[in-house]
Amino acid sequence: MRENFKPNTDERPSMIILGIIVLFVLVVVFFVYLYLLNRISLSVSLGVVLVFSLIYLPRLIIIRKLLKKDEIKILGNSICINGAEIDFQRIKDYKVEGKKPVVVFVISNNLIVFNEAKFHLLLDNRQVSFSVIGAEKIKLLKEFLNEIIS
């Protein structure tokens, strides 16, 4: 019997950005609506929106990280990080600082997740650091760097 397996996490940047913005707008519009119905005062409405914005700030920072992510390309015998090409033979070692995945929201039994890791490549004379976004990309880059170094 053949079964189709679907991942229970989704890391598409467009879904992450859309989820963060939609939830923020829904909450803000709800409190503005309550103010327009004269259910709460203007100061309470602005206070709640301000407190929610401060609490929700880490999610809004995720959007900034997604829009300013590092560009990484693997070429024939080198890796290109933000336009700077590094030859594989110059890489002596690497270190990964994995961050805890952040669940942005849940939609139809799928988690929309933001996962980030910081890679540090030790070269002959210096160290290069860059960020990678996405669990699949992080896993593949770790495997690739393990093969290069060994």
N, C-alpha and C. Protein backbone atom coordinates (compact mmCIF):
# COMPACT_ATOMS: atom_id res chain seq x y z
N MET A 1 0.85 -1.17 0.00
CA MET A 1 0.00 0.00 0.00
C MET A 1 0.90 1.24 0.00
N ARG A 2 0.56 2.17 -0.86
CA ARG A 2 1.36 3.39 -1.00
C ARG A 2 0.68 4.54 -0.26
N GLU A 3 1.45 5.18 0.62
CA GLU A 3 0.91 6.31 1.37
C GLU A 3 1.67 7.56 1.00
N ASN A 4 0.94 8.64 0.95
CA ASN A 4 1.58 9.92 0.69
C ASN A 4 1.91 10.58 2.03
N PHE A 5 3.17 10.89 2.19
CA PHE A 5 3.60 11.54 3.42
C PHE A 5 3.76 13.03 3.17
N LYS A 6 3.19 13.81 4.06
CA LYS A 6 3.32 15.25 3.98
C LYS A 6 4.08 15.72 5.21
N PRO A 7 4.96 16.67 5.04
CA PRO A 7 5.63 17.20 6.22
C PRO A 7 4.65 17.97 7.10
N ASN A 8 4.90 17.95 8.41
CA ASN A 8 4.00 18.67 9.30
C ASN A 8 4.50 20.08 9.58
N THR A 9 5.58 20.48 8.92
CA THR A 9 6.05 21.86 9.05
C THR A 9 6.18 22.48 7.66
N ASP A 10 6.01 23.76 7.61
CA ASP A 10 6.11 24.50 6.36
C ASP A 10 6.99 25.71 6.62
N GLU A 11 7.96 25.96 5.74
CA GLU A 11 8.90 27.05 5.96
C GLU A 11 8.96 28.03 4.80
N ARG A 12 7.89 28.13 4.06
CA ARG A 12 7.87 29.08 2.95
C ARG A 12 7.87 30.51 3.49
N PRO A 13 8.83 31.32 3.06
CA PRO A 13 8.89 32.70 3.56
C PRO A 13 7.62 33.50 3.32
N SER A 14 6.99 33.28 2.19
CA SER A 14 5.76 34.04 1.91
C SER A 14 4.67 33.69 2.91
N MET A 15 4.56 32.42 3.30
CA MET A 15 3.56 32.02 4.29
C MET A 15 3.89 32.58 5.67
N ILE A 16 5.16 32.62 6.01
CA ILE A 16 5.57 33.15 7.31
C ILE A 16 5.22 34.64 7.38
N ILE A 17 5.59 35.39 6.35
CA ILE A 17 5.31 36.83 6.35
C ILE A 17 3.81 37.10 6.35
N LEU A 18 3.08 36.36 5.53
CA LEU A 18 1.62 36.53 5.47
C LEU A 18 0.98 36.22 6.82
N GLY A 19 1.39 35.16 7.48
CA GLY A 19 0.82 34.79 8.77
C GLY A 19 1.09 35.83 9.84
N ILE A 20 2.30 36.35 9.87
CA ILE A 20 2.65 37.36 10.88
C ILE A 20 1.84 38.63 10.66
N ILE A 21 1.77 39.08 9.42
CA ILE A 21 1.06 40.34 9.12
C ILE A 21 -0.44 40.20 9.34
N VAL A 22 -1.03 39.09 8.90
CA VAL A 22 -2.48 38.90 9.03
C VAL A 22 -2.90 38.87 10.50
N LEU A 23 -2.17 38.15 11.34
CA LEU A 23 -2.54 38.09 12.75
C LEU A 23 -2.40 39.46 13.41
N PHE A 24 -1.33 40.17 13.09
CA PHE A 24 -1.14 41.51 13.66
C PHE A 24 -2.27 42.45 13.23
N VAL A 25 -2.60 42.44 11.96
CA VAL A 25 -3.67 43.32 11.46
C VAL A 25 -5.02 42.95 12.07
N LEU A 26 -5.30 41.66 12.21
CA LEU A 26 -6.57 41.24 12.80
C LEU A 26 -6.73 41.76 14.23
N VAL A 27 -5.70 41.64 15.03
CA VAL A 27 -5.79 42.09 16.42
C VAL A 27 -5.93 43.61 16.48
N VAL A 28 -5.13 44.34 15.71
CA VAL A 28 -5.19 45.80 15.73
C VAL A 28 -6.55 46.29 15.23
N VAL A 29 -7.04 45.72 14.15
CA VAL A 29 -8.34 46.12 13.61
C VAL A 29 -9.47 45.80 14.60
N PHE A 30 -9.36 44.69 15.32
CA PHE A 30 -10.38 44.34 16.32
C PHE A 30 -10.48 45.41 17.39
N PHE A 31 -9.35 45.88 17.90
CA PHE A 31 -9.41 46.90 18.96
C PHE A 31 -9.81 48.26 18.42
N VAL A 32 -9.48 48.58 17.19
CA VAL A 32 -9.96 49.81 16.57
C VAL A 32 -11.47 49.72 16.38
N TYR A 33 -11.94 48.55 15.99
CA TYR A 33 -13.38 48.33 15.83
C TYR A 33 -14.12 48.50 17.15
N LEU A 34 -13.55 47.95 18.22
CA LEU A 34 -14.17 48.13 19.54
C LEU A 34 -14.21 49.61 19.93
N TYR A 35 -13.17 50.35 19.59
CA TYR A 35 -13.17 51.78 19.87
C TYR A 35 -14.26 52.49 19.05
N LEU A 36 -14.37 52.14 17.78
CA LEU A 36 -15.38 52.78 16.92
C LEU A 36 -16.80 52.46 17.36
N LEU A 37 -17.00 51.32 18.02
CA LEU A 37 -18.31 50.98 18.56
C LEU A 37 -18.55 51.62 19.93
N ASN A 38 -17.58 52.38 20.41
CA ASN A 38 -17.63 53.02 21.73
C ASN A 38 -17.71 52.00 22.86
N ARG A 39 -17.10 50.85 22.69
CA ARG A 39 -17.03 49.83 23.75
C ARG A 39 -15.83 50.07 24.66
N ILE A 40 -14.76 50.62 24.10
CA ILE A 40 -13.58 50.96 24.89
C ILE A 40 -13.15 52.37 24.52
N SER A 41 -12.42 53.00 25.42
CA SER A 41 -11.97 54.37 25.16
C SER A 41 -10.76 54.36 24.23
N LEU A 42 -10.43 55.55 23.73
CA LEU A 42 -9.30 55.69 22.82
C LEU A 42 -8.00 55.33 23.52
N SER A 43 -7.85 55.75 24.77
CA SER A 43 -6.59 55.47 25.48
C SER A 43 -6.43 53.97 25.73
N VAL A 44 -7.51 53.28 26.05
CA VAL A 44 -7.42 51.83 26.25
C VAL A 44 -7.10 51.14 24.93
N SER A 45 -7.74 51.57 23.87
CA SER A 45 -7.50 50.99 22.56
C SER A 45 -6.04 51.18 22.13
N LEU A 46 -5.53 52.40 22.26
CA LEU A 46 -4.13 52.66 21.90
C LEU A 46 -3.17 51.90 22.83
N GLY A 47 -3.52 51.82 24.11
CA GLY A 47 -2.69 51.09 25.07
C GLY A 47 -2.60 49.61 24.73
N VAL A 48 -3.73 49.00 24.40
CA VAL A 48 -3.75 47.58 24.05
C VAL A 48 -2.97 47.33 22.76
N VAL A 49 -3.15 48.20 21.78
CA VAL A 49 -2.42 48.05 20.51
C VAL A 49 -0.92 48.22 20.74
N LEU A 50 -0.53 49.16 21.58
CA LEU A 50 0.89 49.37 21.88
C LEU A 50 1.49 48.18 22.62
N VAL A 51 0.79 47.67 23.63
CA VAL A 51 1.27 46.50 24.37
C VAL A 51 1.36 45.29 23.46
N PHE A 52 0.34 45.08 22.64
CA PHE A 52 0.38 43.95 21.71
C PHE A 52 1.53 44.09 20.72
N SER A 53 1.78 45.32 20.25
CA SER A 53 2.89 45.55 19.32
C SER A 53 4.22 45.22 19.98
N LEU A 54 4.38 45.59 21.23
CA LEU A 54 5.63 45.28 21.94
C LEU A 54 5.80 43.78 22.16
N ILE A 55 4.71 43.11 22.50
CA ILE A 55 4.78 41.66 22.70
C ILE A 55 5.03 40.96 21.36
N TYR A 56 4.47 41.47 20.31
CA TYR A 56 4.54 40.86 18.98
C TYR A 56 5.79 41.26 18.21
N LEU A 57 6.62 42.15 18.77
CA LEU A 57 7.80 42.65 18.10
C LEU A 57 8.77 41.56 17.63
N PRO A 58 9.03 40.49 18.42
CA PRO A 58 9.92 39.44 17.90
C PRO A 58 9.41 38.80 16.61
N ARG A 59 8.11 38.67 16.45
CA ARG A 59 7.56 38.13 15.21
C ARG A 59 7.78 39.10 14.05
N LEU A 60 7.65 40.39 14.32
CA LEU A 60 7.87 41.38 13.26
C LEU A 60 9.34 41.43 12.86
N ILE A 61 10.23 41.13 13.79
CA ILE A 61 11.66 41.08 13.47
C ILE A 61 11.96 39.91 12.54
N ILE A 62 11.17 38.84 12.63
CA ILE A 62 11.33 37.69 11.73
C ILE A 62 11.16 38.15 10.28
N ILE A 63 10.21 39.04 10.03
CA ILE A 63 10.01 39.55 8.66
C ILE A 63 11.27 40.25 8.18
N ARG A 64 11.87 41.05 9.04
CA ARG A 64 13.10 41.75 8.67
C ARG A 64 14.22 40.76 8.35
N LYS A 65 14.33 39.71 9.15
CA LYS A 65 15.36 38.69 8.90
C LYS A 65 15.14 38.00 7.57
N LEU A 66 13.88 37.72 7.24
CA LEU A 66 13.57 37.05 5.98
C LEU A 66 13.88 37.93 4.78
N LEU A 67 13.65 39.22 4.92
CA LEU A 67 13.89 40.13 3.80
C LEU A 67 15.37 40.46 3.62
N LYS A 68 16.17 40.33 4.69
CA LYS A 68 17.59 40.66 4.62
C LYS A 68 18.47 39.42 4.84
N LYS A 69 18.02 38.27 4.38
CA LYS A 69 18.79 37.05 4.59
C LYS A 69 20.03 37.01 3.70
N ASP A 70 21.01 36.22 4.14
CA ASP A 70 22.25 36.07 3.39
C ASP A 70 22.01 35.22 2.15
N GLU A 71 22.68 35.58 1.07
CA GLU A 71 22.55 34.83 -0.18
C GLU A 71 23.72 33.85 -0.28
N ILE A 72 23.39 32.56 -0.38
CA ILE A 72 24.40 31.51 -0.40
C ILE A 72 24.23 30.68 -1.65
N LYS A 73 25.32 30.53 -2.41
CA LYS A 73 25.31 29.71 -3.62
C LYS A 73 26.50 28.76 -3.55
N ILE A 74 26.26 27.52 -3.91
CA ILE A 74 27.34 26.55 -3.99
C ILE A 74 27.68 26.36 -5.45
N LEU A 75 28.90 26.72 -5.79
CA LEU A 75 29.38 26.62 -7.16
C LEU A 75 30.19 25.33 -7.29
N GLY A 76 30.88 25.14 -8.39
CA GLY A 76 31.64 23.91 -8.63
C GLY A 76 32.60 23.52 -7.52
N ASN A 77 33.54 24.40 -7.20
CA ASN A 77 34.51 24.08 -6.15
C ASN A 77 34.65 25.22 -5.15
N SER A 78 33.58 26.00 -5.00
CA SER A 78 33.60 27.09 -4.04
C SER A 78 32.18 27.39 -3.57
N ILE A 79 32.10 28.17 -2.52
CA ILE A 79 30.82 28.62 -2.00
C ILE A 79 30.81 30.14 -2.05
N CYS A 80 29.72 30.71 -2.50
CA CYS A 80 29.60 32.15 -2.65
C CYS A 80 28.61 32.66 -1.59
N ILE A 81 29.12 33.50 -0.69
CA ILE A 81 28.31 34.05 0.40
C ILE A 81 28.22 35.56 0.21
N ASN A 82 27.03 36.03 -0.10
CA ASN A 82 26.79 37.46 -0.35
C ASN A 82 27.77 38.04 -1.36
N GLY A 83 28.08 37.30 -2.40
CA GLY A 83 28.95 37.78 -3.45
C GLY A 83 30.43 37.50 -3.23
N ALA A 84 30.83 37.07 -2.03
CA ALA A 84 32.23 36.75 -1.75
C ALA A 84 32.44 35.25 -1.94
N GLU A 85 33.35 34.91 -2.85
CA GLU A 85 33.59 33.51 -3.18
C GLU A 85 34.69 32.93 -2.29
N ILE A 86 34.42 31.76 -1.71
CA ILE A 86 35.37 31.08 -0.83
C ILE A 86 35.62 29.69 -1.40
N ASP A 87 36.88 29.38 -1.64
CA ASP A 87 37.26 28.08 -2.17
C ASP A 87 37.12 27.01 -1.08
N PHE A 88 36.66 25.82 -1.46
CA PHE A 88 36.44 24.76 -0.49
C PHE A 88 37.73 24.34 0.22
N GLN A 89 38.88 24.41 -0.45
CA GLN A 89 40.13 23.99 0.17
C GLN A 89 40.58 24.94 1.28
N ARG A 90 40.08 26.15 1.28
CA ARG A 90 40.44 27.11 2.33
C ARG A 90 39.66 26.89 3.62
N ILE A 91 38.58 26.13 3.56
CA ILE A 91 37.75 25.90 4.75
C ILE A 91 38.40 24.81 5.60
N LYS A 92 38.79 25.17 6.82
CA LYS A 92 39.43 24.22 7.74
C LYS A 92 38.42 23.54 8.65
N ASP A 93 37.47 24.32 9.14
CA ASP A 93 36.47 23.79 10.06
C ASP A 93 35.24 24.71 10.02
N TYR A 94 34.17 24.24 10.60
CA TYR A 94 32.98 25.08 10.68
C TYR A 94 32.25 24.80 12.00
N LYS A 95 31.44 25.75 12.39
CA LYS A 95 30.65 25.64 13.61
C LYS A 95 29.25 26.16 13.30
N VAL A 96 28.25 25.53 13.89
CA VAL A 96 26.87 25.93 13.66
C VAL A 96 26.22 26.30 14.99
N GLU A 97 25.63 27.48 15.02
CA GLU A 97 24.83 27.91 16.17
C GLU A 97 23.37 27.82 15.77
N GLY A 98 22.74 26.72 16.08
CA GLY A 98 21.34 26.55 15.73
C GLY A 98 20.44 27.25 16.73
N LYS A 99 19.45 27.94 16.24
CA LYS A 99 18.49 28.60 17.10
C LYS A 99 17.22 27.77 17.14
N LYS A 100 16.48 27.95 18.19
CA LYS A 100 15.25 27.21 18.38
C LYS A 100 14.22 27.61 17.33
N PRO A 101 13.55 26.64 16.69
CA PRO A 101 12.52 26.99 15.70
C PRO A 101 11.36 27.74 16.34
N VAL A 102 10.82 28.69 15.61
CA VAL A 102 9.71 29.50 16.09
C VAL A 102 8.47 29.14 15.26
N VAL A 103 7.41 28.73 15.95
CA VAL A 103 6.15 28.44 15.27
C VAL A 103 5.43 29.76 15.08
N VAL A 104 5.20 30.13 13.82
CA VAL A 104 4.55 31.40 13.52
C VAL A 104 3.04 31.26 13.69
N PHE A 105 2.46 30.24 13.08
CA PHE A 105 1.05 29.93 13.27
C PHE A 105 0.76 28.53 12.75
N VAL A 106 -0.45 28.04 13.00
CA VAL A 106 -0.87 26.71 12.56
C VAL A 106 -2.05 26.89 11.63
N ILE A 107 -1.99 26.20 10.48
CA ILE A 107 -3.09 26.26 9.53
C ILE A 107 -3.32 24.85 8.99
N SER A 108 -4.54 24.36 9.12
CA SER A 108 -4.96 23.03 8.66
C SER A 108 -3.93 21.94 9.02
N ASN A 109 -3.66 21.84 10.29
CA ASN A 109 -2.75 20.82 10.87
C ASN A 109 -1.31 20.92 10.38
N ASN A 110 -0.90 22.01 9.82
CA ASN A 110 0.50 22.25 9.44
C ASN A 110 1.04 23.40 10.26
N LEU A 111 2.24 23.22 10.77
CA LEU A 111 2.90 24.29 11.49
C LEU A 111 3.67 25.14 10.49
N ILE A 112 3.51 26.44 10.57
CA ILE A 112 4.32 27.36 9.78
C ILE A 112 5.46 27.77 10.70
N VAL A 113 6.69 27.36 10.34
CA VAL A 113 7.83 27.45 11.24
C VAL A 113 8.93 28.34 10.64
N PHE A 114 9.60 29.10 11.51
CA PHE A 114 10.78 29.88 11.14
C PHE A 114 11.96 29.27 11.87
N ASN A 115 12.94 28.78 11.10
CA ASN A 115 14.12 28.15 11.68
C ASN A 115 15.35 28.84 11.13
N GLU A 116 16.30 29.17 12.01
CA GLU A 116 17.48 29.92 11.62
C GLU A 116 18.71 29.33 12.31
N ALA A 117 19.84 29.36 11.61
CA ALA A 117 21.11 28.92 12.19
C ALA A 117 22.22 29.84 11.68
N LYS A 118 23.21 30.05 12.51
CA LYS A 118 24.36 30.88 12.12
C LYS A 118 25.55 29.95 11.93
N PHE A 119 26.16 30.03 10.75
CA PHE A 119 27.32 29.22 10.40
C PHE A 119 28.57 30.07 10.53
N HIS A 120 29.62 29.49 11.08
CA HIS A 120 30.93 30.14 11.19
C HIS A 120 31.93 29.24 10.47
N LEU A 121 32.50 29.72 9.39
CA LEU A 121 33.51 28.97 8.64
C LEU A 121 34.89 29.46 9.04
N LEU A 122 35.74 28.54 9.48
CA LEU A 122 37.11 28.88 9.82
C LEU A 122 37.97 28.68 8.59
N LEU A 123 38.54 29.78 8.10
CA LEU A 123 39.39 29.74 6.91
C LEU A 123 40.86 29.79 7.34
N ASP A 124 41.76 29.88 6.37
CA ASP A 124 43.19 29.94 6.66
C ASP A 124 43.55 31.10 7.59
N ASN A 125 43.03 32.27 7.30
CA ASN A 125 43.47 33.45 8.04
C ASN A 125 42.34 34.22 8.71
N ARG A 126 41.10 33.80 8.55
CA ARG A 126 39.99 34.54 9.14
C ARG A 126 38.78 33.62 9.31
N GLN A 127 37.72 34.21 9.85
CA GLN A 127 36.48 33.48 10.06
C GLN A 127 35.35 34.22 9.35
N VAL A 128 34.51 33.46 8.65
CA VAL A 128 33.37 34.04 7.93
C VAL A 128 32.10 33.53 8.59
N SER A 129 31.17 34.44 8.88
CA SER A 129 29.89 34.07 9.50
C SER A 129 28.74 34.47 8.59
N PHE A 130 27.74 33.62 8.55
CA PHE A 130 26.53 33.91 7.77
C PHE A 130 25.36 33.15 8.35
N SER A 131 24.16 33.62 8.07
CA SER A 131 22.93 33.00 8.58
C SER A 131 22.24 32.23 7.47
N VAL A 132 21.64 31.11 7.86
CA VAL A 132 20.86 30.28 6.94
C VAL A 132 19.47 30.13 7.54
N ILE A 133 18.45 30.30 6.71
CA ILE A 133 17.07 30.21 7.15
C ILE A 133 16.41 29.01 6.48
N GLY A 134 15.78 28.16 7.30
CA GLY A 134 15.08 26.98 6.80
C GLY A 134 15.74 25.70 7.27
N ALA A 135 14.98 24.81 7.89
CA ALA A 135 15.52 23.58 8.46
C ALA A 135 16.15 22.69 7.40
N GLU A 136 15.51 22.60 6.24
CA GLU A 136 16.04 21.75 5.17
C GLU A 136 17.37 22.30 4.65
N LYS A 137 17.46 23.60 4.48
CA LYS A 137 18.70 24.21 4.01
C LYS A 137 19.82 24.05 5.03
N ILE A 138 19.49 24.20 6.30
CA ILE A 138 20.49 24.03 7.36
C ILE A 138 21.03 22.61 7.36
N LYS A 139 20.12 21.64 7.27
CA LYS A 139 20.53 20.23 7.28
C LYS A 139 21.41 19.91 6.07
N LEU A 140 21.00 20.36 4.89
CA LEU A 140 21.78 20.08 3.69
C LEU A 140 23.16 20.75 3.72
N LEU A 141 23.22 21.97 4.23
CA LEU A 141 24.51 22.66 4.30
C LEU A 141 25.44 22.00 5.31
N LYS A 142 24.90 21.51 6.42
CA LYS A 142 25.72 20.76 7.39
C LYS A 142 26.30 19.51 6.76
N GLU A 143 25.45 18.75 6.07
CA GLU A 143 25.92 17.53 5.41
C GLU A 143 26.98 17.86 4.37
N PHE A 144 26.77 18.90 3.60
CA PHE A 144 27.71 19.29 2.54
C PHE A 144 29.05 19.71 3.14
N LEU A 145 29.01 20.51 4.20
CA LEU A 145 30.26 20.95 4.84
C LEU A 145 31.00 19.78 5.51
N ASN A 146 30.25 18.82 6.05
CA ASN A 146 30.88 17.62 6.62
C ASN A 146 31.65 16.85 5.55
N GLU A 147 31.05 16.72 4.37
CA GLU A 147 31.75 16.01 3.27
C GLU A 147 32.97 16.75 2.80
N ILE A 148 32.90 18.07 2.75
CA ILE A 148 34.03 18.87 2.29
C ILE A 148 35.21 18.77 3.25
N ILE A 149 34.92 18.85 4.54
CA ILE A 149 35.99 18.87 5.55
C ILE A 149 36.61 17.49 5.73
N SER A 150 35.84 16.44 5.62
CA SER A 150 36.41 15.10 5.84
C SER A 150 37.14 14.58 4.62
